[in-house]
Amino acid sequence: MLALEIKNLHKTYSDGFTALNGLNLRVKQGDFFALLGPNGAGKSTMIGILTSLIHKSSGT
């Protein structure tokens, strides 16, 4: 059973910066995952979208 599924998630800010470009992620119930990446990779943007603090540009 899936606990989280992200399909083709995109986020482009009003200044034209693309933080997420086609992100896909599947996490099964009971699994652990870590979100790692350099500054500007979109980690905080992804969490913001998942918590509805940031609006996505497209995707589900």
N, C-alpha and C. Protein backbone atom coordinates (compact mmCIF):
# COMPACT_ATOMS: atom_id res chain seq x y z
N MET A 1 0.85 -1.19 0.00
CA MET A 1 0.00 0.00 0.00
C MET A 1 0.89 1.25 0.00
N LEU A 2 0.54 2.20 -0.83
CA LEU A 2 1.30 3.45 -0.92
C LEU A 2 0.86 4.43 0.16
N ALA A 3 1.84 5.07 0.79
CA ALA A 3 1.56 6.13 1.75
C ALA A 3 1.67 7.49 1.08
N LEU A 4 2.52 7.57 0.04
CA LEU A 4 2.74 8.84 -0.65
C LEU A 4 3.11 8.54 -2.10
N GLU A 5 2.48 9.23 -3.02
CA GLU A 5 2.85 9.12 -4.43
C GLU A 5 2.80 10.51 -5.06
N ILE A 6 3.90 10.88 -5.68
CA ILE A 6 4.01 12.15 -6.39
C ILE A 6 4.28 11.83 -7.85
N LYS A 7 3.52 12.46 -8.74
CA LYS A 7 3.67 12.21 -10.17
C LYS A 7 3.92 13.52 -10.91
N ASN A 8 5.07 13.60 -11.57
CA ASN A 8 5.37 14.70 -12.49
C ASN A 8 5.17 16.08 -11.86
N LEU A 9 5.70 16.26 -10.65
CA LEU A 9 5.52 17.51 -9.91
C LEU A 9 6.46 18.58 -10.44
N HIS A 10 5.90 19.74 -10.72
CA HIS A 10 6.65 20.89 -11.22
C HIS A 10 6.37 22.10 -10.33
N LYS A 11 7.41 22.89 -10.10
CA LYS A 11 7.24 24.18 -9.44
C LYS A 11 8.20 25.18 -10.05
N THR A 12 7.63 26.21 -10.65
CA THR A 12 8.40 27.33 -11.18
C THR A 12 7.92 28.58 -10.48
N TYR A 13 8.84 29.32 -9.89
CA TYR A 13 8.48 30.55 -9.18
C TYR A 13 8.27 31.70 -10.16
N SER A 14 7.67 32.77 -9.68
CA SER A 14 7.30 33.90 -10.55
C SER A 14 8.51 34.56 -11.22
N ASP A 15 9.70 34.40 -10.62
CA ASP A 15 10.91 34.98 -11.23
C ASP A 15 11.51 34.06 -12.30
N GLY A 16 10.83 32.93 -12.57
CA GLY A 16 11.29 32.00 -13.60
C GLY A 16 12.16 30.87 -13.10
N PHE A 17 12.53 30.88 -11.81
CA PHE A 17 13.37 29.81 -11.26
C PHE A 17 12.56 28.52 -11.14
N THR A 18 13.06 27.43 -11.72
CA THR A 18 12.40 26.13 -11.64
C THR A 18 13.02 25.35 -10.49
N ALA A 19 12.22 25.13 -9.43
CA ALA A 19 12.70 24.40 -8.26
C ALA A 19 12.48 22.90 -8.40
N LEU A 20 11.39 22.51 -9.05
CA LEU A 20 11.08 21.09 -9.27
C LEU A 20 10.67 20.91 -10.71
N ASN A 21 11.21 19.89 -11.35
CA ASN A 21 10.93 19.68 -12.77
C ASN A 21 10.65 18.20 -13.03
N GLY A 22 9.39 17.79 -12.89
CA GLY A 22 9.01 16.42 -13.19
C GLY A 22 9.35 15.42 -12.10
N LEU A 23 9.24 15.82 -10.84
CA LEU A 23 9.56 14.93 -9.72
C LEU A 23 8.55 13.80 -9.60
N ASN A 24 9.05 12.58 -9.47
CA ASN A 24 8.22 11.40 -9.23
C ASN A 24 8.76 10.71 -7.98
N LEU A 25 7.84 10.29 -7.09
CA LEU A 25 8.24 9.65 -5.84
C LEU A 25 7.14 8.72 -5.38
N ARG A 26 7.52 7.52 -4.95
CA ARG A 26 6.57 6.56 -4.38
C ARG A 26 7.15 6.06 -3.06
N VAL A 27 6.40 6.20 -1.98
CA VAL A 27 6.81 5.71 -0.67
C VAL A 27 5.73 4.76 -0.18
N LYS A 28 6.14 3.54 0.12
CA LYS A 28 5.19 2.54 0.61
C LYS A 28 4.96 2.72 2.10
N GLN A 29 3.80 2.31 2.55
CA GLN A 29 3.46 2.39 3.97
C GLN A 29 4.50 1.62 4.77
N GLY A 30 5.02 2.23 5.82
CA GLY A 30 6.02 1.60 6.68
C GLY A 30 7.46 1.87 6.25
N ASP A 31 7.67 2.42 5.06
CA ASP A 31 9.01 2.73 4.58
C ASP A 31 9.49 4.06 5.17
N PHE A 32 10.80 4.21 5.24
CA PHE A 32 11.43 5.46 5.62
C PHE A 32 12.16 5.99 4.39
N PHE A 33 12.22 7.30 4.27
CA PHE A 33 13.01 7.88 3.19
C PHE A 33 13.64 9.17 3.67
N ALA A 34 14.73 9.54 3.04
CA ALA A 34 15.43 10.78 3.35
C ALA A 34 15.43 11.65 2.10
N LEU A 35 15.37 12.92 2.32
CA LEU A 35 15.37 13.89 1.22
C LEU A 35 16.70 14.64 1.28
N LEU A 36 17.60 14.31 0.37
CA LEU A 36 18.95 14.88 0.37
C LEU A 36 19.22 15.60 -0.94
N GLY A 37 19.99 16.66 -0.86
CA GLY A 37 20.39 17.37 -2.06
C GLY A 37 21.08 18.67 -1.70
N PRO A 38 21.77 19.27 -2.64
CA PRO A 38 22.47 20.54 -2.38
C PRO A 38 21.48 21.70 -2.26
N ASN A 39 22.00 22.84 -1.84
CA ASN A 39 21.19 24.05 -1.77
C ASN A 39 20.56 24.33 -3.12
N GLY A 40 19.27 24.68 -3.11
CA GLY A 40 18.58 25.01 -4.35
C GLY A 40 18.04 23.82 -5.12
N ALA A 41 18.13 22.62 -4.53
CA ALA A 41 17.68 21.41 -5.24
C ALA A 41 16.18 21.21 -5.19
N GLY A 42 15.47 21.94 -4.31
CA GLY A 42 14.02 21.83 -4.23
C GLY A 42 13.49 21.06 -3.04
N LYS A 43 14.35 20.75 -2.07
CA LYS A 43 13.93 19.98 -0.89
C LYS A 43 12.84 20.71 -0.11
N SER A 44 13.09 21.94 0.25
CA SER A 44 12.11 22.72 1.02
C SER A 44 10.86 23.01 0.20
N THR A 45 11.03 23.21 -1.09
CA THR A 45 9.88 23.43 -1.97
C THR A 45 8.98 22.21 -1.97
N MET A 46 9.56 21.01 -2.08
CA MET A 46 8.76 19.79 -2.08
C MET A 46 7.99 19.64 -0.77
N ILE A 47 8.64 19.86 0.36
CA ILE A 47 7.97 19.75 1.65
C ILE A 47 6.89 20.82 1.76
N GLY A 48 7.17 22.02 1.28
CA GLY A 48 6.16 23.09 1.30
C GLY A 48 4.93 22.73 0.49
N ILE A 49 5.12 22.10 -0.66
CA ILE A 49 3.98 21.68 -1.48
C ILE A 49 3.20 20.57 -0.78
N LEU A 50 3.91 19.60 -0.19
CA LEU A 50 3.24 18.49 0.51
C LEU A 50 2.41 18.97 1.69
N THR A 51 2.84 20.06 2.33
CA THR A 51 2.12 20.60 3.48
C THR A 51 1.18 21.75 3.11
N SER A 52 1.03 22.01 1.81
CA SER A 52 0.14 23.05 1.27
C SER A 52 0.57 24.47 1.64
N LEU A 53 1.84 24.66 1.99
CA LEU A 53 2.34 26.00 2.25
C LEU A 53 2.78 26.69 0.96
N ILE A 54 3.07 25.89 -0.07
CA ILE A 54 3.47 26.39 -1.38
C ILE A 54 2.57 25.74 -2.42
N HIS A 55 2.14 26.50 -3.40
CA HIS A 55 1.29 25.96 -4.47
C HIS A 55 2.15 25.39 -5.58
N LYS A 56 1.81 24.19 -6.04
CA LYS A 56 2.53 23.56 -7.15
C LYS A 56 2.17 24.23 -8.46
N SER A 57 3.06 24.12 -9.44
CA SER A 57 2.76 24.62 -10.78
C SER A 57 1.95 23.59 -11.55
N SER A 58 2.31 22.30 -11.39
CA SER A 58 1.55 21.21 -12.00
C SER A 58 1.99 19.89 -11.39
N GLY A 59 1.21 18.85 -11.64
CA GLY A 59 1.50 17.52 -11.12
C GLY A 59 0.50 17.11 -10.06
N THR A 60 0.62 15.84 -9.63
CA THR A 60 -0.27 15.32 -8.59
C THR A 60 0.52 14.68 -7.49
